[in-house]
Amino acid sequence: MKLISLLLILAVGVFFISSALATPAGKSVEYAGGAMGKVIFDGKTHADKGAKCNDCHTKLFQMKKEAKMTMADHKSDKYCFNCHNGSKAFGSDNHCAKCHKK
């Protein structure tokens, strides 16, 4: 019985530690970005501006490992463009190189 309890506690501890380390502070995520070049999302840059993960994840979109944005999305309030609209943060017009890297 003690062994089972100990194994259960160990398993729960490993789960919480691994979930905490799954997204380390300052994590960058790289997307293919199509013809414009890859897009690098830098979590530290956004955190330094006061953004929290849930400000976008779950409030604007569900967490995914891929982004399927279209050119039309750049002119909408979907995804990144909810903030990157030119008033809250730099807009998508004429600022392609801020996100897309060839």
C-alpha atoms as a PDB file:
ATOM      1  CA  MET A   1       0.000   0.000   0.000  1.00  0.00           C
ATOM      2  CA  LYS A   2       2.833   2.408   0.860  1.00  0.00           C
ATOM      3  CA  LEU A   3       4.544   1.556  -2.421  1.00  0.00           C
ATOM      4  CA  ILE A   4       1.411   2.318  -4.438  1.00  0.00           C
ATOM      5  CA  SER A   5       0.934   5.625  -2.598  1.00  0.00           C
ATOM      6  CA  LEU A   6       4.564   6.552  -3.164  1.00  0.00           C
ATOM      7  CA  LEU A   7       4.341   5.706  -6.886  1.00  0.00           C
ATOM      8  CA  LEU A   8       1.145   7.745  -7.220  1.00  0.00           C
ATOM      9  CA  ILE A   9       2.731  10.752  -5.523  1.00  0.00           C
ATOM     10  CA  LEU A  10       5.801  10.398  -7.722  1.00  0.00           C
ATOM     11  CA  ALA A  11       3.676  10.190 -10.890  1.00  0.00           C
ATOM     12  CA  VAL A  12       1.668  13.287  -9.948  1.00  0.00           C
ATOM     13  CA  GLY A  13       4.890  15.162  -9.136  1.00  0.00           C
ATOM     14  CA  VAL A  14       6.463  14.239 -12.470  1.00  0.00           C
ATOM     15  CA  PHE A  15       3.294  15.353 -14.287  1.00  0.00           C
ATOM     16  CA  PHE A  16       3.286  18.788 -12.641  1.00  0.00           C
ATOM     17  CA  ILE A  17       7.008  19.324 -13.104  1.00  0.00           C
ATOM     18  CA  SER A  18       6.890  18.317 -16.783  1.00  0.00           C
ATOM     19  CA  SER A  19       3.875  20.536 -17.461  1.00  0.00           C
ATOM     20  CA  ALA A  20       5.625  23.482 -15.808  1.00  0.00           C
ATOM     21  CA  LEU A  21       8.729  22.935 -17.918  1.00  0.00           C
ATOM     22  CA  ALA A  22       6.806  22.362 -21.172  1.00  0.00           C
ATOM     23  CA  THR A  23       6.699  26.103 -21.860  1.00  0.00           C
ATOM     24  CA  PRO A  24       9.758  27.717 -20.330  1.00  0.00           C
ATOM     25  CA  ALA A  25       9.948  31.466 -19.866  1.00  0.00           C
ATOM     26  CA  GLY A  26      11.162  33.200 -22.985  1.00  0.00           C
ATOM     27  CA  LYS A  27      10.148  30.400 -25.323  1.00  0.00           C
ATOM     28  CA  SER A  28      10.173  31.122 -29.049  1.00  0.00           C
ATOM     29  CA  VAL A  29       8.008  29.281 -31.527  1.00  0.00           C
ATOM     30  CA  GLU A  30       8.849  29.133 -35.221  1.00  0.00           C
ATOM     31  CA  TYR A  31       6.253  28.787 -38.002  1.00  0.00           C
ATOM     32  CA  ALA A  32       6.934  28.146 -41.694  1.00  0.00           C
ATOM     33  CA  GLY A  33       5.349  31.460 -42.757  1.00  0.00           C
ATOM     34  CA  GLY A  34       4.905  30.588 -46.450  1.00  0.00           C
ATOM     35  CA  ALA A  35       6.462  32.649 -49.218  1.00  0.00           C
ATOM     36  CA  MET A  36       7.085  35.603 -46.898  1.00  0.00           C
ATOM     37  CA  GLY A  37       9.501  33.576 -44.782  1.00  0.00           C
ATOM     38  CA  LYS A  38       9.333  31.953 -41.378  1.00  0.00           C
ATOM     39  CA  VAL A  39       7.579  33.657 -38.477  1.00  0.00           C
ATOM     40  CA  ILE A  40       9.143  33.588 -35.041  1.00  0.00           C
ATOM     41  CA  PHE A  41       6.903  34.214 -32.040  1.00  0.00           C
ATOM     42  CA  ASP A  42       8.974  35.310 -29.042  1.00  0.00           C
ATOM     43  CA  GLY A  43       7.129  34.808 -25.770  1.00  0.00           C
ATOM     44  CA  LYS A  44       9.583  36.994 -23.829  1.00  0.00           C
ATOM     45  CA  THR A  45       8.929  40.009 -26.058  1.00  0.00           C
ATOM     46  CA  HIS A  46       5.206  39.708 -25.401  1.00  0.00           C
ATOM     47  CA  ALA A  47       5.658  39.049 -21.668  1.00  0.00           C
ATOM     48  CA  ASP A  48       7.916  42.110 -21.393  1.00  0.00           C
ATOM     49  CA  LYS A  49       5.013  44.172 -22.791  1.00  0.00           C
ATOM     50  CA  GLY A  50       2.718  42.797 -20.068  1.00  0.00           C
ATOM     51  CA  ALA A  51       0.950  40.094 -22.104  1.00  0.00           C
ATOM     52  CA  LYS A  52       0.054  36.857 -20.374  1.00  0.00           C
ATOM     53  CA  CYS A  53      -0.362  33.507 -22.163  1.00  0.00           C
ATOM     54  CA  ASN A  54      -4.121  33.409 -21.581  1.00  0.00           C
ATOM     55  CA  ASP A  55      -4.532  36.876 -23.111  1.00  0.00           C
ATOM     56  CA  CYS A  56      -4.321  35.112 -26.476  1.00  0.00           C
ATOM     57  CA  HIS A  57      -4.562  31.403 -25.748  1.00  0.00           C
ATOM     58  CA  THR A  58      -8.148  30.522 -24.878  1.00  0.00           C
ATOM     59  CA  LYS A  59      -9.413  34.129 -25.193  1.00  0.00           C
ATOM     60  CA  LEU A  60      -8.583  34.654 -28.895  1.00  0.00           C
ATOM     61  CA  PHE A  61      -7.846  31.125 -30.051  1.00  0.00           C
ATOM     62  CA  GLN A  62      -7.307  27.643 -28.725  1.00  0.00           C
ATOM     63  CA  MET A  63      -3.761  26.461 -28.108  1.00  0.00           C
ATOM     64  CA  LYS A  64      -2.378  24.665 -31.138  1.00  0.00           C
ATOM     65  CA  LYS A  65       1.039  23.638 -32.371  1.00  0.00           C
ATOM     66  CA  GLU A  66       0.414  25.179 -35.767  1.00  0.00           C
ATOM     67  CA  ALA A  67      -0.951  28.444 -37.081  1.00  0.00           C
ATOM     68  CA  LYS A  68      -3.185  28.528 -40.121  1.00  0.00           C
ATOM     69  CA  MET A  69      -3.475  32.222 -40.818  1.00  0.00           C
ATOM     70  CA  THR A  70      -4.388  33.599 -44.204  1.00  0.00           C
ATOM     71  CA  MET A  71      -3.519  36.919 -45.797  1.00  0.00           C
ATOM     72  CA  ALA A  72      -7.140  37.957 -45.171  1.00  0.00           C
ATOM     73  CA  ASP A  73      -6.572  37.365 -41.443  1.00  0.00           C
ATOM     74  CA  HIS A  74      -3.927  40.120 -41.521  1.00  0.00           C
ATOM     75  CA  LYS A  75      -6.725  42.647 -42.069  1.00  0.00           C
ATOM     76  CA  SER A  76      -8.987  41.209 -39.365  1.00  0.00           C
ATOM     77  CA  ASP A  77      -9.057  41.051 -35.590  1.00  0.00           C
ATOM     78  CA  LYS A  78      -8.280  37.332 -35.568  1.00  0.00           C
ATOM     79  CA  TYR A  79      -5.206  35.769 -33.989  1.00  0.00           C
ATOM     80  CA  CYS A  80      -2.199  38.076 -33.638  1.00  0.00           C
ATOM     81  CA  PHE A  81      -4.022  40.884 -35.401  1.00  0.00           C
ATOM     82  CA  ASN A  82      -6.352  41.443 -32.474  1.00  0.00           C
ATOM     83  CA  CYS A  83      -3.482  43.463 -30.975  1.00  0.00           C
ATOM     84  CA  HIS A  84      -1.247  43.946 -34.007  1.00  0.00           C
ATOM     85  CA  ASN A  85      -3.713  46.300 -35.638  1.00  0.00           C
ATOM     86  CA  GLY A  86      -1.671  49.489 -35.658  1.00  0.00           C
ATOM     87  CA  SER A  87      -3.240  50.987 -32.538  1.00  0.00           C
ATOM     88  CA  LYS A  88      -2.385  48.616 -29.676  1.00  0.00           C
ATOM     89  CA  ALA A  89       0.764  47.169 -31.285  1.00  0.00           C
ATOM     90  CA  PHE A  90       2.391  47.587 -34.665  1.00  0.00           C
ATOM     91  CA  GLY A  91       0.051  46.677 -37.489  1.00  0.00           C
ATOM     92  CA  SER A  92       0.521  44.176 -40.272  1.00  0.00           C
ATOM     93  CA  ASP A  93       0.725  46.805 -43.034  1.00  0.00           C
ATOM     94  CA  ASN A  94       4.288  47.485 -44.167  1.00  0.00           C
ATOM     95  CA  HIS A  95       5.738  45.703 -41.146  1.00  0.00           C
ATOM     96  CA  CYS A  96       6.106  42.212 -42.650  1.00  0.00           C
ATOM     97  CA  ALA A  97       9.774  41.955 -41.637  1.00  0.00           C
ATOM     98  CA  LYS A  98       8.910  42.396 -37.954  1.00  0.00           C
ATOM     99  CA  CYS A  99       7.477  38.860 -37.970  1.00  0.00           C
ATOM    100  CA  HIS A 100       8.532  37.233 -41.252  1.00  0.00           C
ATOM    101  CA  LYS A 101      12.221  36.379 -41.624  1.00  0.00           C
ATOM    102  CA  LYS A 102      13.574  35.180 -44.967  1.00  0.00           C
END
